[in-house]
Amino acid sequence: MFALWVLPLATLISLWVAWSDLARMKIPNKAVLALMALFIVVGLLTLPLEAYLWRYAHFAIVLAIGFLMTITGIVGAGDAKFAAAMAPFVATTDGTSVAAIFAVTTIIAFVLHRLARISPLRTLAPHWESWERTRDFPMGLPLGVTLIIYLVRTALL
């Protein structure tokens, strides 16, 4: 029931994150806060209290890992914050599934982004920052798509 209730707004926020990261190589803090606010409200109303409270541990763990990855230069701060905000949406038993979804979406997004960058499709968004950054990749795209796929899958089961 939780996934069904959060799906519409989480999808909009995830698309906002993906678009922003593609266009500006930045994930807005407002998007991260909006996703957390969505979890806080809908989670409290739809999840059992114990599960709801434990999911904050997911947030803390992913935030700590993301912080370490950010200070070592592996990921950007926005990516780490958005991943942490996504974490409470994932049931503990679904961690492996989400990791697999993320792996596949990252590979597909990377290949499609690099192909689009050298194709005429680039003219549809000629000023995107992500086209110019040869060593960086907008991870907001696969992160957002991962959350959408996971929530759709969970809502349908």
Protein backbone atom coordinates (compact mmCIF):
# COMPACT_ATOMS: atom_id res chain seq x y z
CA MET A 1 0.00 0.00 0.00
CA PHE A 2 2.90 2.36 0.80
CA ALA A 3 4.40 2.05 -2.70
CA LEU A 4 1.05 2.74 -4.34
CA TRP A 5 0.52 5.92 -2.33
CA VAL A 6 4.01 7.36 -2.84
CA LEU A 7 4.41 6.34 -6.48
CA PRO A 8 2.88 9.43 -8.16
CA LEU A 9 4.83 12.05 -6.21
CA ALA A 10 8.01 9.98 -5.97
CA THR A 11 7.91 9.60 -9.75
CA LEU A 12 7.61 13.36 -10.26
CA ILE A 13 10.46 14.04 -7.82
CA SER A 14 12.63 11.36 -9.44
CA LEU A 15 12.03 12.80 -12.91
CA TRP A 16 12.88 16.27 -11.57
CA VAL A 17 16.14 14.89 -10.15
CA ALA A 18 17.04 13.10 -13.39
CA TRP A 19 16.29 16.18 -15.52
CA SER A 20 18.16 18.53 -13.22
CA ASP A 21 21.21 16.29 -13.09
CA LEU A 22 21.26 15.92 -16.87
CA ALA A 23 20.81 19.64 -17.45
CA ARG A 24 22.94 21.14 -14.67
CA MET A 25 24.85 18.21 -13.10
CA LYS A 26 23.20 19.17 -9.82
CA ILE A 27 20.48 17.51 -7.75
CA PRO A 28 18.45 20.20 -6.00
CA ASN A 29 18.30 20.02 -2.21
CA LYS A 30 14.59 20.85 -2.54
CA ALA A 31 14.09 17.57 -4.41
CA VAL A 32 15.89 15.61 -1.68
CA LEU A 33 13.82 17.34 1.02
CA ALA A 34 10.61 16.77 -0.95
CA LEU A 35 11.35 13.04 -1.18
CA MET A 36 12.08 12.84 2.54
CA ALA A 37 8.90 14.79 3.36
CA LEU A 38 6.94 12.36 1.21
CA PHE A 39 8.33 9.41 3.16
CA ILE A 40 7.75 11.09 6.52
CA VAL A 41 4.08 11.76 5.83
CA VAL A 42 2.98 8.78 3.74
CA GLY A 43 5.20 6.31 5.59
CA LEU A 44 3.70 7.30 8.92
CA LEU A 45 0.19 6.84 7.52
CA THR A 46 0.72 3.56 5.64
CA LEU A 47 3.56 1.56 7.19
CA PRO A 48 3.49 -0.36 10.47
CA LEU A 49 5.16 1.85 13.09
CA GLU A 50 8.09 -0.49 13.70
CA ALA A 51 8.86 -0.78 9.96
CA TYR A 52 8.46 2.97 9.55
CA LEU A 53 10.96 3.71 12.31
CA TRP A 54 13.48 1.10 11.10
CA ARG A 55 13.53 2.67 7.66
CA TYR A 56 15.18 5.73 9.17
CA ALA A 57 18.15 3.43 9.81
CA HIS A 58 18.26 2.85 6.04
CA PHE A 59 18.51 6.61 5.60
CA ALA A 60 21.33 6.94 8.14
CA ILE A 61 23.35 4.03 6.76
CA VAL A 62 23.11 5.17 3.14
CA LEU A 63 23.85 8.77 4.15
CA ALA A 64 27.01 7.66 6.01
CA ILE A 65 28.17 5.53 3.08
CA GLY A 66 27.34 8.35 0.67
CA PHE A 67 29.28 10.83 2.80
CA LEU A 68 32.35 8.58 2.68
CA MET A 69 31.96 8.15 -1.07
CA THR A 70 31.63 11.92 -1.51
CA ILE A 71 34.74 12.82 0.47
CA THR A 72 36.73 10.27 -1.52
CA GLY A 73 35.43 11.71 -4.80
CA ILE A 74 33.52 8.62 -5.93
CA VAL A 75 30.11 10.33 -6.10
CA GLY A 76 28.78 13.84 -5.87
CA ALA A 77 27.12 15.19 -2.75
CA GLY A 78 23.73 15.46 -4.47
CA ASP A 79 23.89 11.83 -5.53
CA ALA A 80 24.70 10.76 -1.97
CA LYS A 81 21.89 12.85 -0.47
CA PHE A 82 19.33 11.63 -2.99
CA ALA A 83 20.34 8.00 -2.47
CA ALA A 84 19.95 8.49 1.28
CA ALA A 85 16.50 10.04 0.76
CA MET A 86 15.55 7.06 -1.43
CA ALA A 87 16.68 4.50 1.15
CA PRO A 88 13.62 4.65 3.47
CA PHE A 89 11.39 3.81 0.50
CA VAL A 90 13.04 0.40 0.22
CA ALA A 91 12.02 -2.51 2.42
CA THR A 92 14.95 -4.24 4.11
CA THR A 93 14.21 -7.49 2.28
CA ASP A 94 14.38 -5.72 -1.09
CA GLY A 95 17.94 -4.39 -0.82
CA THR A 96 19.39 -6.94 -3.23
CA SER A 97 16.63 -6.34 -5.77
CA VAL A 98 17.18 -2.58 -5.64
CA ALA A 99 20.93 -3.05 -6.05
CA ALA A 100 20.28 -5.17 -9.16
CA ILE A 101 17.82 -2.62 -10.57
CA PHE A 102 20.34 0.15 -9.90
CA ALA A 103 23.16 -1.76 -11.59
CA VAL A 104 21.11 -2.37 -14.72
CA THR A 105 19.70 1.17 -14.89
CA THR A 106 23.18 2.65 -14.40
CA ILE A 107 24.66 0.65 -17.27
CA ILE A 108 21.73 1.41 -19.60
CA ALA A 109 21.64 5.10 -18.64
CA PHE A 110 25.39 5.45 -19.15
CA VAL A 111 25.35 3.83 -22.58
CA LEU A 112 22.28 5.78 -23.75
CA HIS A 113 23.65 9.07 -22.40
CA ARG A 114 26.98 8.61 -24.13
CA LEU A 115 25.28 7.62 -27.39
CA ALA A 116 22.89 10.58 -27.22
CA ARG A 117 25.80 12.91 -26.55
CA ILE A 118 27.40 12.04 -29.90
CA SER A 119 24.15 11.81 -31.86
CA PRO A 120 21.74 14.38 -33.33
CA LEU A 121 19.58 13.88 -30.19
CA ARG A 122 21.98 16.23 -28.45
CA THR A 123 20.43 19.14 -30.35
CA LEU A 124 17.17 18.63 -28.41
CA ALA A 125 18.96 19.86 -25.27
CA PRO A 126 22.10 21.57 -26.56
CA HIS A 127 23.02 23.35 -23.33
CA TRP A 128 22.95 20.42 -20.93
CA GLU A 129 25.98 20.42 -18.67
CA SER A 130 26.14 16.62 -18.75
CA TRP A 131 27.08 16.68 -22.44
CA GLU A 132 30.22 18.69 -21.65
CA ARG A 133 31.49 16.69 -18.68
CA THR A 134 33.52 13.85 -20.14
CA ARG A 135 34.65 12.38 -16.81
CA ASP A 136 31.39 12.84 -14.87
CA PHE A 137 28.03 11.15 -15.26
CA PRO A 138 24.62 12.38 -14.01
CA MET A 139 23.86 9.62 -11.49
CA GLY A 140 20.53 11.29 -10.68
CA LEU A 141 19.23 9.65 -13.86
CA PRO A 142 19.76 5.99 -12.84
CA LEU A 143 18.98 6.76 -9.18
CA GLY A 144 15.62 8.29 -10.11
CA VAL A 145 14.77 5.52 -12.57
CA THR A 146 15.72 2.91 -9.97
CA LEU A 147 13.28 4.36 -7.45
CA ILE A 148 10.48 4.53 -10.02
CA ILE A 149 11.02 0.93 -11.18
CA TYR A 150 11.21 -0.34 -7.62
CA LEU A 151 8.03 1.44 -6.54
CA VAL A 152 6.12 0.29 -9.64
CA ARG A 153 7.29 -3.29 -9.06
CA THR A 154 6.36 -3.13 -5.38
CA ALA A 155 2.96 -1.54 -6.04
CA LEU A 156 2.08 -4.25 -8.56
CA LEU A 157 3.03 -7.17 -6.29
